[in-house]
C-alpha atoms as a PDB file:
ATOM      1  CA  MET A   1     -47.137  11.449  45.503  1.00  0.00           C
ATOM      2  CA  GLU A   2     -43.904  13.196  44.602  1.00  0.00           C
ATOM      3  CA  THR A   3     -40.963  10.916  42.358  1.00  0.00           C
ATOM      4  CA  TYR A   4     -37.953  11.083  43.737  1.00  0.00           C
ATOM      5  CA  SER A   5     -35.785  12.743  42.557  1.00  0.00           C
ATOM      6  CA  THR A   6     -32.961  10.026  42.399  1.00  0.00           C
ATOM      7  CA  ALA A   7     -31.805   8.698  39.386  1.00  0.00           C
ATOM      8  CA  PHE A   8     -32.051   5.482  38.550  1.00  0.00           C
ATOM      9  CA  PHE A   9     -29.552   2.652  36.340  1.00  0.00           C
ATOM     10  CA  LEU A  10     -31.428   1.936  34.420  1.00  0.00           C
ATOM     11  CA  SER A  11     -33.514   6.188  33.542  1.00  0.00           C
ATOM     12  CA  PHE A  12     -37.372   5.680  32.188  1.00  0.00           C
ATOM     13  CA  ASP A  13     -36.103   7.416  29.139  1.00  0.00           C
ATOM     14  CA  GLU A  14     -33.842   4.281  28.505  1.00  0.00           C
ATOM     15  CA  ILE A  15     -37.013   2.202  29.489  1.00  0.00           C
ATOM     16  CA  GLN A  16     -38.864   3.930  27.116  1.00  0.00           C
ATOM     17  CA  GLY A  17     -36.600   3.520  24.178  1.00  0.00           C
ATOM     18  CA  HIS A  18     -36.546  -0.560  24.704  1.00  0.00           C
ATOM     19  CA  ALA A  19     -38.825  -1.935  21.658  1.00  0.00           C
ATOM     20  CA  VAL A  20     -40.759  -3.832  23.293  1.00  0.00           C
ATOM     21  CA  HIS A  21     -41.510  -1.189  25.786  1.00  0.00           C
ATOM     22  CA  LYS A  22     -42.946   0.964  22.980  1.00  0.00           C
ATOM     23  CA  LEU A  23     -45.084  -2.475  21.272  1.00  0.00           C
ATOM     24  CA  PHE A  24     -46.475  -2.493  25.053  1.00  0.00           C
ATOM     25  CA  SER A  25     -47.210   1.861  25.417  1.00  0.00           C
ATOM     26  CA  ALA A  26     -48.944   1.612  21.863  1.00  0.00           C
ATOM     27  CA  SER A  27     -51.236  -1.380  22.544  1.00  0.00           C
ATOM     28  CA  SER A  28     -54.403  -0.982  24.698  1.00  0.00           C
ATOM     29  CA  PHE A  29     -52.769  -2.996  28.011  1.00  0.00           C
ATOM     30  CA  ARG A  30     -52.451  -0.287  30.857  1.00  0.00           C
ATOM     31  CA  SER A  31     -52.425  -1.729  34.245  1.00  0.00           C
ATOM     32  CA  SER A  32     -55.842  -4.410  35.069  1.00  0.00           C
ATOM     33  CA  GLN A  33     -57.584  -5.660  38.003  1.00  0.00           C
ATOM     34  CA  ILE A  34     -56.716  -9.414  38.005  1.00  0.00           C
ATOM     35  CA  LEU A  35     -58.928  -9.661  41.752  1.00  0.00           C
ATOM     36  CA  PRO A  36     -60.020  -6.481  44.584  1.00  0.00           C
ATOM     37  CA  GLY A  37     -57.009  -4.884  44.702  1.00  0.00           C
ATOM     38  CA  LEU A  38     -54.559  -6.985  42.484  1.00  0.00           C
ATOM     39  CA  PHE A  39     -53.479  -5.336  39.842  1.00  0.00           C
ATOM     40  CA  ILE A  40     -50.424  -5.806  36.918  1.00  0.00           C
ATOM     41  CA  GLY A  41     -49.357  -3.271  34.859  1.00  0.00           C
ATOM     42  CA  ASN A  42     -46.312  -1.949  32.961  1.00  0.00           C
ATOM     43  CA  PHE A  43     -43.211   0.481  34.272  1.00  0.00           C
ATOM     44  CA  LYS A  44     -45.105   3.609  33.284  1.00  0.00           C
ATOM     45  CA  ASP A  45     -48.286   2.062  34.781  1.00  0.00           C
ATOM     46  CA  ALA A  46     -46.187   2.313  38.478  1.00  0.00           C
ATOM     47  CA  ARG A  47     -45.544   6.098  37.288  1.00  0.00           C
ATOM     48  CA  ASP A  48     -49.364   7.551  36.806  1.00  0.00           C
ATOM     49  CA  VAL A  49     -50.214   8.918  40.112  1.00  0.00           C
ATOM     50  CA  GLU A  50     -53.642   9.898  38.516  1.00  0.00           C
ATOM     51  CA  GLN A  51     -54.173   5.913  38.032  1.00  0.00           C
ATOM     52  CA  LEU A  52     -52.759   4.475  41.053  1.00  0.00           C
ATOM     53  CA  SER A  53     -55.059   7.072  43.023  1.00  0.00           C
ATOM     54  CA  LYS A  54     -57.889   5.988  41.259  1.00  0.00           C
ATOM     55  CA  ASN A  55     -57.618   2.675  42.062  1.00  0.00           C
ATOM     56  CA  ASN A  56     -56.123   3.289  45.556  1.00  0.00           C
ATOM     57  CA  ILE A  57     -52.767   1.322  45.226  1.00  0.00           C
ATOM     58  CA  THR A  58     -51.150   2.025  48.320  1.00  0.00           C
ATOM     59  CA  HIS A  59     -48.526  -0.429  47.495  1.00  0.00           C
ATOM     60  CA  ILE A  60     -46.260  -1.406  44.831  1.00  0.00           C
ATOM     61  CA  LEU A  61     -44.387  -4.555  44.490  1.00  0.00           C
ATOM     62  CA  SER A  62     -41.844  -3.582  41.843  1.00  0.00           C
ATOM     63  CA  ILE A  63     -39.877  -6.551  39.657  1.00  0.00           C
ATOM     64  CA  HIS A  64     -37.622  -5.859  37.387  1.00  0.00           C
ATOM     65  CA  ASP A  65     -33.847  -5.087  36.861  1.00  0.00           C
ATOM     66  CA  SER A  66     -33.239  -2.258  38.434  1.00  0.00           C
ATOM     67  CA  ALA A  67     -36.511  -2.147  41.059  1.00  0.00           C
ATOM     68  CA  ARG A  68     -36.237   1.300  43.113  1.00  0.00           C
ATOM     69  CA  PRO A  69     -38.988   2.709  44.980  1.00  0.00           C
ATOM     70  CA  MET A  70     -40.430   5.840  42.821  1.00  0.00           C
ATOM     71  CA  LEU A  71     -42.859   7.694  44.808  1.00  0.00           C
ATOM     72  CA  GLU A  72     -43.193   9.118  47.625  1.00  0.00           C
ATOM     73  CA  GLY A  73     -46.168   8.216  50.049  1.00  0.00           C
ATOM     74  CA  VAL A  74     -46.247   4.138  48.627  1.00  0.00           C
ATOM     75  CA  LYS A  75     -45.214   0.685  50.840  1.00  0.00           C
ATOM     76  CA  TYR A  76     -42.510  -0.388  48.133  1.00  0.00           C
ATOM     77  CA  LEU A  77     -41.751  -3.875  47.691  1.00  0.00           C
ATOM     78  CA  CYS A  78     -38.284  -3.755  45.288  1.00  0.00           C
ATOM     79  CA  ILE A  79     -36.772  -7.532  43.383  1.00  0.00           C
ATOM     80  CA  PRO A  80     -34.035  -6.837  41.222  1.00  0.00           C
ATOM     81  CA  ALA A  81     -34.782  -9.637  38.738  1.00  0.00           C
ATOM     82  CA  ALA A  82     -34.322 -10.169  34.695  1.00  0.00           C
ATOM     83  CA  ASP A  83     -36.882 -11.513  32.852  1.00  0.00           C
ATOM     84  CA  SER A  84     -34.586 -14.540  31.718  1.00  0.00           C
ATOM     85  CA  PRO A  85     -35.607 -18.368  32.030  1.00  0.00           C
ATOM     86  CA  SER A  86     -32.822 -18.753  34.253  1.00  0.00           C
ATOM     87  CA  GLN A  87     -33.845 -15.937  36.598  1.00  0.00           C
ATOM     88  CA  ASN A  88     -34.768 -17.636  40.205  1.00  0.00           C
ATOM     89  CA  LEU A  89     -38.216 -15.683  41.254  1.00  0.00           C
ATOM     90  CA  ALA A  90     -39.226 -19.100  43.190  1.00  0.00           C
ATOM     91  CA  ARG A  91     -37.006 -17.945  45.919  1.00  0.00           C
ATOM     92  CA  HIS A  92     -39.010 -14.315  46.385  1.00  0.00           C
ATOM     93  CA  PHE A  93     -42.740 -16.000  46.363  1.00  0.00           C
ATOM     94  CA  ARG A  94     -43.352 -15.999  50.004  1.00  0.00           C
ATOM     95  CA  GLU A  95     -41.947 -12.467  50.107  1.00  0.00           C
ATOM     96  CA  SER A  96     -44.247 -11.514  47.587  1.00  0.00           C
ATOM     97  CA  ILE A  97     -47.025 -13.517  48.786  1.00  0.00           C
ATOM     98  CA  LYS A  98     -46.953 -12.040  52.270  1.00  0.00           C
ATOM     99  CA  PHE A  99     -46.597  -7.860  50.691  1.00  0.00           C
ATOM    100  CA  ILE A 100     -49.699  -8.816  48.281  1.00  0.00           C
ATOM    101  CA  HIS A 101     -51.737 -10.437  51.080  1.00  0.00           C
ATOM    102  CA  GLU A 102     -51.665  -8.165  54.050  1.00  0.00           C
ATOM    103  CA  CYS A 103     -52.297  -5.059  51.608  1.00  0.00           C
ATOM    104  CA  ARG A 104     -55.188  -6.401  49.760  1.00  0.00           C
ATOM    105  CA  LEU A 105     -56.726  -7.489  53.612  1.00  0.00           C
ATOM    106  CA  THR A 106     -56.593  -4.086  54.322  1.00  0.00           C
ATOM    107  CA  GLY A 107     -58.857  -2.936  52.023  1.00  0.00           C
ATOM    108  CA  GLU A 108     -55.957  -1.030  49.890  1.00  0.00           C
ATOM    109  CA  GLY A 109     -54.707  -1.867  46.230  1.00  0.00           C
ATOM    110  CA  CYS A 110     -51.174  -3.300  45.313  1.00  0.00           C
ATOM    111  CA  LEU A 111     -49.915  -3.459  41.961  1.00  0.00           C
ATOM    112  CA  VAL A 112     -47.491  -5.695  40.506  1.00  0.00           C
ATOM    113  CA  HIS A 113     -45.035  -4.904  37.642  1.00  0.00           C
ATOM    114  CA  CYS A 114     -41.806  -5.361  35.481  1.00  0.00           C
ATOM    115  CA  LEU A 115     -40.716  -3.696  32.633  1.00  0.00           C
ATOM    116  CA  ALA A 116     -43.847  -4.517  30.314  1.00  0.00           C
ATOM    117  CA  GLY A 117     -46.313  -6.538  32.787  1.00  0.00           C
ATOM    118  CA  VAL A 118     -46.326  -9.140  30.960  1.00  0.00           C
ATOM    119  CA  SER A 119     -43.567 -12.086  32.609  1.00  0.00           C
ATOM    120  CA  ARG A 120     -42.329 -10.904  35.659  1.00  0.00           C
ATOM    121  CA  SER A 121     -44.945  -9.576  37.338  1.00  0.00           C
ATOM    122  CA  VAL A 122     -47.414 -12.245  35.906  1.00  0.00           C
ATOM    123  CA  THR A 123     -45.269 -15.132  37.851  1.00  0.00           C
ATOM    124  CA  LEU A 124     -45.775 -13.233  41.092  1.00  0.00           C
ATOM    125  CA  VAL A 125     -49.316 -12.988  40.873  1.00  0.00           C
ATOM    126  CA  VAL A 126     -50.136 -16.493  39.536  1.00  0.00           C
ATOM    127  CA  ALA A 127     -47.902 -18.060  42.376  1.00  0.00           C
ATOM    128  CA  TYR A 128     -50.253 -15.470  44.563  1.00  0.00           C
ATOM    129  CA  ILE A 129     -53.529 -16.518  43.169  1.00  0.00           C
ATOM    130  CA  MET A 130     -52.369 -20.668  43.549  1.00  0.00           C
ATOM    131  CA  THR A 131     -51.712 -20.115  47.194  1.00  0.00           C
ATOM    132  CA  ILE A 132     -55.360 -18.255  47.952  1.00  0.00           C
ATOM    133  CA  THR A 133     -57.136 -20.838  45.635  1.00  0.00           C
ATOM    134  CA  ASP A 134     -56.934 -24.464  45.106  1.00  0.00           C
ATOM    135  CA  PHE A 135     -56.215 -23.305  41.491  1.00  0.00           C
ATOM    136  CA  GLY A 136     -52.698 -25.334  39.909  1.00  0.00           C
ATOM    137  CA  TRP A 137     -50.360 -23.261  37.449  1.00  0.00           C
ATOM    138  CA  GLU A 138     -52.206 -23.282  34.738  1.00  0.00           C
ATOM    139  CA  ASP A 139     -55.800 -22.736  36.023  1.00  0.00           C
ATOM    140  CA  ALA A 140     -53.950 -20.013  37.798  1.00  0.00           C
ATOM    141  CA  LEU A 141     -52.169 -18.477  34.889  1.00  0.00           C
ATOM    142  CA  SER A 142     -55.432 -18.111  32.947  1.00  0.00           C
ATOM    143  CA  VAL A 143     -57.430 -16.409  35.628  1.00  0.00           C
ATOM    144  CA  VAL A 144     -54.611 -13.904  35.403  1.00  0.00           C
ATOM    145  CA  ARG A 145     -54.807 -14.123  31.416  1.00  0.00           C
ATOM    146  CA  ALA A 146     -58.782 -13.739  31.855  1.00  0.00           C
ATOM    147  CA  ALA A 147     -58.307 -10.519  32.794  1.00  0.00           C
ATOM    148  CA  ARG A 148     -54.352  -9.551  31.336  1.00  0.00           C
ATOM    149  CA  SER A 149     -54.435 -11.374  27.752  1.00  0.00           C
ATOM    150  CA  CYS A 150     -50.456 -10.321  27.155  1.00  0.00           C
ATOM    151  CA  ALA A 151     -49.610 -12.233  30.045  1.00  0.00           C
ATOM    152  CA  ASN A 152     -46.805 -14.568  29.460  1.00  0.00           C
ATOM    153  CA  PRO A 153     -43.922 -15.813  31.896  1.00  0.00           C
ATOM    154  CA  ASN A 154     -41.390 -17.111  30.185  1.00  0.00           C
ATOM    155  CA  MET A 155     -40.495 -21.128  30.309  1.00  0.00           C
ATOM    156  CA  GLY A 156     -38.549 -20.998  32.545  1.00  0.00           C
ATOM    157  CA  PHE A 157     -41.306 -18.931  34.733  1.00  0.00           C
ATOM    158  CA  GLN A 158     -43.114 -20.952  33.975  1.00  0.00           C
ATOM    159  CA  ARG A 159     -41.126 -24.208  34.979  1.00  0.00           C
ATOM    160  CA  GLN A 160     -40.705 -23.078  38.746  1.00  0.00           C
ATOM    161  CA  LEU A 161     -44.857 -22.386  39.088  1.00  0.00           C
ATOM    162  CA  GLN A 162     -44.958 -26.182  37.776  1.00  0.00           C
ATOM    163  CA  GLU A 163     -42.289 -27.014  40.562  1.00  0.00           C
ATOM    164  CA  PHE A 164     -44.270 -24.664  42.753  1.00  0.00           C
ATOM    165  CA  GLU A 165     -47.744 -26.945  42.519  1.00  0.00           C
ATOM    166  CA  LYS A 166     -45.432 -30.121  42.516  1.00  0.00           C
ATOM    167  CA  HIS A 167     -43.536 -29.215  45.931  1.00  0.00           C
ATOM    168  CA  ASP A 168     -44.548 -26.172  47.615  1.00  0.00           C
ATOM    169  CA  VAL A 169     -47.701 -24.934  47.408  1.00  0.00           C
ATOM    170  CA  ASP A 170     -49.836 -26.774  49.965  1.00  0.00           C
ATOM    171  CA  GLN A 171     -47.187 -25.777  52.592  1.00  0.00           C
ATOM    172  CA  PHE A 172     -47.740 -22.282  51.313  1.00  0.00           C
ATOM    173  CA  ARG A 173     -51.479 -22.415  51.881  1.00  0.00           C
ATOM    174  CA  GLN A 174     -51.117 -23.725  55.187  1.00  0.00           C
ATOM    175  CA  TRP A 175     -48.702 -21.061  56.115  1.00  0.00           C
ATOM    176  CA  LEU A 176     -50.868 -18.280  54.771  1.00  0.00           C
ATOM    177  CA  LYS A 177     -54.130 -19.801  56.625  1.00  0.00           C
ATOM    178  CA  GLU A 178     -52.084 -19.724  60.134  1.00  0.00           C
ATOM    179  CA  GLU A 179     -50.517 -16.679  59.929  1.00  0.00           C
ATOM    180  CA  TYR A 180     -53.823 -14.915  58.570  1.00  0.00           C
ATOM    181  CA  GLY A 181     -57.391 -16.936  58.841  1.00  0.00           C
ATOM    182  CA  GLU A 182     -59.324 -18.446  56.560  1.00  0.00           C
ATOM    183  CA  ASN A 183     -58.697 -17.031  52.786  1.00  0.00           C
ATOM    184  CA  SER A 184     -61.730 -15.203  51.213  1.00  0.00           C
ATOM    185  CA  SER A 185     -64.761 -16.878  49.540  1.00  0.00           C
ATOM    186  CA  GLN A 186     -65.069 -14.105  47.655  1.00  0.00           C
ATOM    187  CA  ASP A 187     -61.122 -14.194  45.736  1.00  0.00           C
ATOM    188  CA  LEU A 188     -61.879 -17.946  45.288  1.00  0.00           C
ATOM    189  CA  GLN A 189     -65.573 -17.397  43.091  1.00  0.00           C
ATOM    190  CA  GLU A 190     -64.134 -14.203  41.647  1.00  0.00           C
ATOM    191  CA  ALA A 191     -60.660 -16.402  40.346  1.00  0.00           C
ATOM    192  CA  LYS A 192     -63.477 -19.094  39.476  1.00  0.00           C
ATOM    193  CA  ASN A 193     -65.457 -16.577  37.397  1.00  0.00           C
ATOM    194  CA  LEU A 194     -62.259 -15.554  35.346  1.00  0.00           C
ATOM    195  CA  LEU A 195     -61.051 -18.783  34.781  1.00  0.00           C
ATOM    196  CA  SER A 196     -64.844 -19.709  33.375  1.00  0.00           C
ATOM    197  CA  LYS A 197     -64.653 -16.012  31.420  1.00  0.00           C
ATOM    198  CA  TYR A 198     -61.223 -17.380  29.875  1.00  0.00           C
ATOM    199  CA  LYS A 199     -62.496 -20.815  29.220  1.00  0.00           C
ATOM    200  CA  GLU A 200     -64.872 -19.910  27.042  1.00  0.00           C
ATOM    201  CA  GLN A 201     -62.759 -17.043  25.061  1.00  0.00           C
ATOM    202  CA  ALA A 202     -60.233 -19.732  24.539  1.00  0.00           C
ATOM    203  CA  GLU A 203     -63.427 -22.035  22.823  1.00  0.00           C
ATOM    204  CA  LEU A 204     -64.977 -19.582  20.961  1.00  0.00           C
ATOM    205  CA  GLN A 205     -61.546 -18.380  19.638  1.00  0.00           C
ATOM    206  CA  GLN A 206     -61.002 -22.401  18.894  1.00  0.00           C
ATOM    207  CA  SER A 207     -64.528 -23.025  17.043  1.00  0.00           C
ATOM    208  CA  THR A 208     -64.073 -19.569  14.768  1.00  0.00           C
ATOM    209  CA  GLY A 209     -60.914 -21.152  13.573  1.00  0.00           C
ATOM    210  CA  GLY A 210     -59.399 -17.826  15.087  1.00  0.00           C
ATOM    211  CA  ARG A 211     -55.738 -17.750  17.353  1.00  0.00           C
ATOM    212  CA  GLN A 212     -56.279 -18.413  20.837  1.00  0.00           C
ATOM    213  CA  TRP A 213     -56.953 -14.643  22.469  1.00  0.00           C
ATOM    214  CA  ASN A 214     -53.728 -15.437  25.482  1.00  0.00           C
ATOM    215  CA  ASN A 215     -51.394 -16.317  22.248  1.00  0.00           C
ATOM    216  CA  ASN A 216     -51.460 -12.810  21.264  1.00  0.00           C
ATOM    217  CA  PHE A 217     -48.310 -12.032  22.397  1.00  0.00           C
ATOM    218  CA  SER A 218     -46.392 -15.349  22.297  1.00  0.00           C
ATOM    219  CA  SER A 219     -43.417 -14.219  20.428  1.00  0.00           C
ATOM    220  CA  VAL A 220     -43.081 -10.703  22.265  1.00  0.00           C
ATOM    221  CA  PRO A 221     -39.359 -11.753  23.834  1.00  0.00           C
ATOM    222  CA  SER A 222     -37.884 -12.017  27.129  1.00  0.00           C
ATOM    223  CA  LEU A 223     -36.078  -8.653  28.616  1.00  0.00           C
ATOM    224  CA  SER A 224     -33.115 -10.770  30.019  1.00  0.00           C
ATOM    225  CA  TYR A 225     -30.677  -8.231  32.097  1.00  0.00           C
ATOM    226  CA  SER A 226     -28.382  -8.369  29.003  1.00  0.00           C
ATOM    227  CA  ASN A 227     -30.517  -6.185  27.187  1.00  0.00           C
ATOM    228  CA  TYR A 228     -30.121  -3.628  29.473  1.00  0.00           C
ATOM    229  CA  THR A 229     -26.036  -2.608  28.019  1.00  0.00           C
ATOM    230  CA  THR A 230     -26.994   1.065  30.346  1.00  0.00           C
ATOM    231  CA  GLU A 231     -26.617  -1.101  33.682  1.00  0.00           C
ATOM    232  CA  THR A 232     -23.361  -1.146  35.018  1.00  0.00           C
END
């Protein structure tokens, strides 16, 4: 894989300089496998050729303010979107689910990333898990948090997931079944295992008087478009 030489509106150095990016770079969070062939990561993970190769990642869904293809030899779905509660991510659910699902059906890996791998990317993966299982949005988010405890969509995205569950997910499940056939029972079992793991860990934290493990990063601010003063 070779990096494209074209410049981005928001350079890698500028992203590295962002305070929240520094927080997550300093943490232990790198790309996290949620289900077989499905990973969530941050901007840095999307440039890590060694990690991408190790995880057989051939598809990257990039969702942030300046989403652009970065590597040759990788299939991209790029969605420019701010981490703002007013940003409409629900309108991208269908194309995102299609992109992820078609990749996984080939046995290859898909990385879904935003800037920190916390809000935008998590929202799309939660919508995907809701579609391939019978889970509501809260259980689907718990599945993601079992594998990536920093997962924390902003409140606007959580409301969109709630509306997706209430109005659209049944239609999406029917569409996916008609388009691609029955969903893998392995995915459902993997998701159930992660949900059980999450609930066990949460109960353990509560019983010992500690904070729930999924709230460790609840104070991290959203990365809205207005944060990026260098963009035009």
